[in-house]
C-alpha atoms as a PDB file:
ATOM      1  CA  UNK A   1       7.861   2.509 -18.740  1.00  0.00           C
ATOM      2  CA  UNK A   2      10.171   3.166 -15.811  1.00  0.00           C
ATOM      3  CA  UNK A   3      10.740   5.925 -13.285  1.00  0.00           C
ATOM      4  CA  UNK A   4      14.373   6.742 -12.648  1.00  0.00           C
ATOM      5  CA  UNK A   5      15.452   6.402  -9.000  1.00  0.00           C
ATOM      6  CA  UNK A   6      12.241   4.655  -7.969  1.00  0.00           C
ATOM      7  CA  UNK A   7      13.921   1.546  -6.498  1.00  0.00           C
ATOM      8  CA  UNK A   8      16.080   3.659  -4.179  1.00  0.00           C
ATOM      9  CA  UNK A   9      13.083   5.690  -3.029  1.00  0.00           C
ATOM     10  CA  UNK A  10      11.076   2.539  -2.332  1.00  0.00           C
ATOM     11  CA  UNK A  11      13.882   1.060  -0.215  1.00  0.00           C
ATOM     12  CA  UNK A  12      14.143   4.271   1.822  1.00  0.00           C
ATOM     13  CA  UNK A  13      10.401   4.419   2.320  1.00  0.00           C
ATOM     14  CA  UNK A  14      10.310   0.824   3.545  1.00  0.00           C
ATOM     15  CA  UNK A  15      13.252   1.460   5.879  1.00  0.00           C
ATOM     16  CA  UNK A  16      11.262   4.308   7.465  1.00  0.00           C
ATOM     17  CA  UNK A  17       8.348   1.941   8.124  1.00  0.00           C
ATOM     18  CA  UNK A  18       6.248   2.854   5.128  1.00  0.00           C
ATOM     19  CA  UNK A  19       4.400   0.486   2.851  1.00  0.00           C
ATOM     20  CA  UNK A  20       5.846   1.194  -0.585  1.00  0.00           C
ATOM     21  CA  UNK A  21       4.040  -1.708  -2.275  1.00  0.00           C
ATOM     22  CA  UNK A  22       0.657  -0.484  -1.120  1.00  0.00           C
ATOM     23  CA  UNK A  23       1.397   3.075  -2.300  1.00  0.00           C
ATOM     24  CA  UNK A  24       2.779   1.792  -5.595  1.00  0.00           C
ATOM     25  CA  UNK A  25      -0.296  -0.396  -6.168  1.00  0.00           C
ATOM     26  CA  UNK A  26      -2.558   2.599  -5.500  1.00  0.00           C
ATOM     27  CA  UNK A  27      -0.617   4.804  -7.901  1.00  0.00           C
ATOM     28  CA  UNK A  28      -0.359   2.227 -10.652  1.00  0.00           C
ATOM     29  CA  UNK A  29      -4.047   1.400 -10.238  1.00  0.00           C
ATOM     30  CA  UNK A  30      -5.004   5.066 -10.678  1.00  0.00           C
ATOM     31  CA  UNK A  31      -2.689   5.369 -13.684  1.00  0.00           C
ATOM     32  CA  UNK A  32      -4.095   2.204 -15.280  1.00  0.00           C
ATOM     33  CA  UNK A  33      -7.648   3.517 -14.876  1.00  0.00           C
ATOM     34  CA  UNK A  34      -6.583   6.793 -16.539  1.00  0.00           C
ATOM     35  CA  UNK A  35      -5.176   4.892 -19.532  1.00  0.00           C
ATOM     36  CA  UNK A  36      -8.266   2.658 -19.607  1.00  0.00           C
ATOM     37  CA  UNK A  37     -10.551   5.697 -19.788  1.00  0.00           C
ATOM     38  CA  UNK A  38      -8.542   7.290 -22.581  1.00  0.00           C
ATOM     39  CA  UNK A  39      -8.388   4.002 -24.507  1.00  0.00           C
ATOM     40  CA  UNK A  40     -12.182   3.823 -24.326  1.00  0.00           C
ATOM     41  CA  UNK A  41     -12.418   7.402 -25.568  1.00  0.00           C
ATOM     42  CA  UNK A  42     -10.056   6.668 -28.483  1.00  0.00           C
ATOM     43  CA  UNK A  43     -11.642   3.319 -29.398  1.00  0.00           C
ATOM     44  CA  UNK A  44     -13.721   3.213 -32.565  1.00  0.00           C
ATOM     45  CA  UNK A  45     -17.302   2.225 -31.823  1.00  0.00           C
ATOM     46  CA  UNK A  46     -19.485   0.006 -33.964  1.00  0.00           C
ATOM     47  CA  UNK A  47     -21.450  -2.123 -31.517  1.00  0.00           C
ATOM     48  CA  UNK A  48     -19.644  -0.952 -28.360  1.00  0.00           C
ATOM     49  CA  UNK A  49     -18.407  -4.453 -27.554  1.00  0.00           C
ATOM     50  CA  UNK A  50     -14.715  -3.583 -27.934  1.00  0.00           C
ATOM     51  CA  UNK A  51     -14.970  -0.328 -25.982  1.00  0.00           C
ATOM     52  CA  UNK A  52     -16.874  -1.995 -23.141  1.00  0.00           C
ATOM     53  CA  UNK A  53     -14.330  -4.814 -22.932  1.00  0.00           C
ATOM     54  CA  UNK A  54     -11.345  -2.541 -22.185  1.00  0.00           C
ATOM     55  CA  UNK A  55     -10.334  -3.248 -18.581  1.00  0.00           C
ATOM     56  CA  UNK A  56      -7.481  -2.352 -16.257  1.00  0.00           C
ATOM     57  CA  UNK A  57      -5.866  -4.405 -13.516  1.00  0.00           C
ATOM     58  CA  UNK A  58      -2.954  -4.248 -11.107  1.00  0.00           C
ATOM     59  CA  UNK A  59      -1.100  -7.222  -9.706  1.00  0.00           C
ATOM     60  CA  UNK A  60       2.232  -8.234  -8.300  1.00  0.00           C
ATOM     61  CA  UNK A  61       4.367 -10.549 -10.416  1.00  0.00           C
ATOM     62  CA  UNK A  62       7.792 -11.702  -9.241  1.00  0.00           C
ATOM     63  CA  UNK A  63       8.119  -8.804  -6.822  1.00  0.00           C
ATOM     64  CA  UNK A  64       7.046  -6.137  -9.329  1.00  0.00           C
ATOM     65  CA  UNK A  65       3.797  -4.213  -9.383  1.00  0.00           C
ATOM     66  CA  UNK A  66       2.340  -4.346 -12.888  1.00  0.00           C
ATOM     67  CA  UNK A  67      -0.585  -2.390 -14.281  1.00  0.00           C
ATOM     68  CA  UNK A  68      -2.314  -3.729 -17.376  1.00  0.00           C
ATOM     69  CA  UNK A  69      -4.892  -2.263 -19.711  1.00  0.00           C
ATOM     70  CA  UNK A  70      -6.342  -4.458 -22.417  1.00  0.00           C
ATOM     71  CA  UNK A  71      -9.235  -6.368 -23.852  1.00  0.00           C
ATOM     72  CA  UNK A  72     -10.135  -9.999 -24.427  1.00  0.00           C
ATOM     73  CA  UNK A  73     -12.123  -9.325 -27.617  1.00  0.00           C
ATOM     74  CA  UNK A  74     -10.734 -11.494 -30.399  1.00  0.00           C
ATOM     75  CA  UNK A  75     -10.685  -8.755 -33.045  1.00  0.00           C
ATOM     76  CA  UNK A  76      -9.056  -6.067 -30.852  1.00  0.00           C
ATOM     77  CA  UNK A  77      -5.601  -6.403 -32.449  1.00  0.00           C
ATOM     78  CA  UNK A  78      -7.114  -6.060 -35.919  1.00  0.00           C
ATOM     79  CA  UNK A  79      -8.636  -2.736 -34.941  1.00  0.00           C
ATOM     80  CA  UNK A  80      -5.401  -1.513 -33.311  1.00  0.00           C
ATOM     81  CA  UNK A  81      -3.044  -2.628 -36.103  1.00  0.00           C
ATOM     82  CA  UNK A  82      -5.258  -2.934 -39.177  1.00  0.00           C
ATOM     83  CA  UNK A  83      -5.566  -5.787 -41.657  1.00  0.00           C
ATOM     84  CA  UNK A  84      -4.458  -6.636 -45.175  1.00  0.00           C
ATOM     85  CA  UNK A  85      -2.427  -4.217 -47.298  1.00  0.00           C
ATOM     86  CA  UNK A  86      -3.575  -1.179 -45.317  1.00  0.00           C
ATOM     87  CA  UNK A  87      -2.471  -2.700 -42.027  1.00  0.00           C
ATOM     88  CA  UNK A  88       0.882  -3.806 -43.418  1.00  0.00           C
ATOM     89  CA  UNK A  89       1.585  -0.361 -44.889  1.00  0.00           C
ATOM     90  CA  UNK A  90       0.694   1.510 -41.691  1.00  0.00           C
ATOM     91  CA  UNK A  91       3.544   3.080 -39.754  1.00  0.00           C
ATOM     92  CA  UNK A  92       2.777   2.073 -36.182  1.00  0.00           C
ATOM     93  CA  UNK A  93       5.587   2.195 -33.620  1.00  0.00           C
ATOM     94  CA  UNK A  94       4.489  -0.902 -31.672  1.00  0.00           C
ATOM     95  CA  UNK A  95       3.824  -3.068 -34.727  1.00  0.00           C
ATOM     96  CA  UNK A  96       7.471  -4.138 -34.969  1.00  0.00           C
ATOM     97  CA  UNK A  97       7.459  -5.351 -31.361  1.00  0.00           C
ATOM     98  CA  UNK A  98       4.834  -8.032 -31.901  1.00  0.00           C
ATOM     99  CA  UNK A  99       4.569 -10.852 -34.384  1.00  0.00           C
ATOM    100  CA  UNK A 100       1.927  -9.872 -36.907  1.00  0.00           C
ATOM    101  CA  UNK A 101       1.241 -11.391 -40.273  1.00  0.00           C
ATOM    102  CA  UNK A 102      -0.831  -9.653 -42.909  1.00  0.00           C
ATOM    103  CA  UNK A 103      -2.676 -11.181 -45.831  1.00  0.00           C
ATOM    104  CA  UNK A 104      -1.682  -9.045 -48.776  1.00  0.00           C
ATOM    105  CA  UNK A 105      -4.260 -10.376 -51.230  1.00  0.00           C
ATOM    106  CA  UNK A 106      -6.846  -7.818 -50.149  1.00  0.00           C
ATOM    107  CA  UNK A 107      -6.965  -4.121 -49.226  1.00  0.00           C
ATOM    108  CA  UNK A 108      -8.013  -4.732 -45.639  1.00  0.00           C
ATOM    109  CA  UNK A 109      -8.758  -2.171 -42.975  1.00  0.00           C
ATOM    110  CA  UNK A 110      -6.556   0.715 -41.872  1.00  0.00           C
ATOM    111  CA  UNK A 111      -5.368   0.687 -38.231  1.00  0.00           C
ATOM    112  CA  UNK A 112      -7.437   2.532 -35.654  1.00  0.00           C
ATOM    113  CA  UNK A 113      -5.072   2.571 -32.644  1.00  0.00           C
ATOM    114  CA  UNK A 114      -6.573   3.170 -29.218  1.00  0.00           C
ATOM    115  CA  UNK A 115      -4.499   1.281 -26.612  1.00  0.00           C
ATOM    116  CA  UNK A 116      -0.965   2.422 -27.399  1.00  0.00           C
ATOM    117  CA  UNK A 117      -1.920   6.080 -27.957  1.00  0.00           C
ATOM    118  CA  UNK A 118      -3.772   6.064 -24.620  1.00  0.00           C
ATOM    119  CA  UNK A 119      -0.563   4.968 -22.906  1.00  0.00           C
ATOM    120  CA  UNK A 120       1.731   7.345 -24.803  1.00  0.00           C
ATOM    121  CA  UNK A 121      -0.385  10.439 -24.240  1.00  0.00           C
ATOM    122  CA  UNK A 122      -0.398   9.783 -20.485  1.00  0.00           C
ATOM    123  CA  UNK A 123       3.258   8.931 -19.776  1.00  0.00           C
ATOM    124  CA  UNK A 124       3.935  12.138 -17.821  1.00  0.00           C
ATOM    125  CA  UNK A 125       0.645  11.900 -15.936  1.00  0.00           C
ATOM    126  CA  UNK A 126       1.347   8.262 -15.035  1.00  0.00           C
ATOM    127  CA  UNK A 127       4.703   9.148 -13.512  1.00  0.00           C
ATOM    128  CA  UNK A 128       3.153  12.047 -11.591  1.00  0.00           C
ATOM    129  CA  UNK A 129       0.336   9.876 -10.234  1.00  0.00           C
ATOM    130  CA  UNK A 130       2.791   7.245  -8.971  1.00  0.00           C
ATOM    131  CA  UNK A 131       5.086   9.875  -7.446  1.00  0.00           C
ATOM    132  CA  UNK A 132       2.128  11.574  -5.744  1.00  0.00           C
ATOM    133  CA  UNK A 133       0.994   8.317  -4.145  1.00  0.00           C
ATOM    134  CA  UNK A 134       4.527   7.669  -2.887  1.00  0.00           C
ATOM    135  CA  UNK A 135       4.714  11.216  -1.496  1.00  0.00           C
ATOM    136  CA  UNK A 136       1.436  10.618   0.366  1.00  0.00           C
ATOM    137  CA  UNK A 137       2.944   7.501   1.947  1.00  0.00           C
ATOM    138  CA  UNK A 138       6.116   9.379   2.871  1.00  0.00           C
ATOM    139  CA  UNK A 139       4.026  12.123   4.531  1.00  0.00           C
ATOM    140  CA  UNK A 140       2.032   9.490   6.399  1.00  0.00           C
ATOM    141  CA  UNK A 141       5.219   7.875   7.723  1.00  0.00           C
ATOM    142  CA  UNK A 142       6.804  11.229   8.586  1.00  0.00           C
ATOM    143  CA  UNK A 143       3.932  12.191  10.959  1.00  0.00           C
END
């Protein structure tokens, strides 16, 4: 996801003496926690292990601030994308972007997406959160 004109705004903010990276980290952190909460709400619950493993983080990589929401549970992708014939037949937008293989000798489990929908349903809110944090930093510098 990208915000049009963000690079130019960040340069201007820094030139005025602001700390754009700090504001961006705050905004992306808030946005990641929003997506994390919605992913937990959307996640199917059996034992609660998958839901409880959904975490968010923010870090800087090669000069870019990156927010991540995910899980380290080994079966998480099977829940998101399904298994067997049902998983292969499912029409999921993100499925084509990753390398999945499906065993077609059994019916399998239908997908129960929770991560990607949590991101998609919050795209506008994410952009607003980041913009609001940058506006706060601009107001701070302008005083």
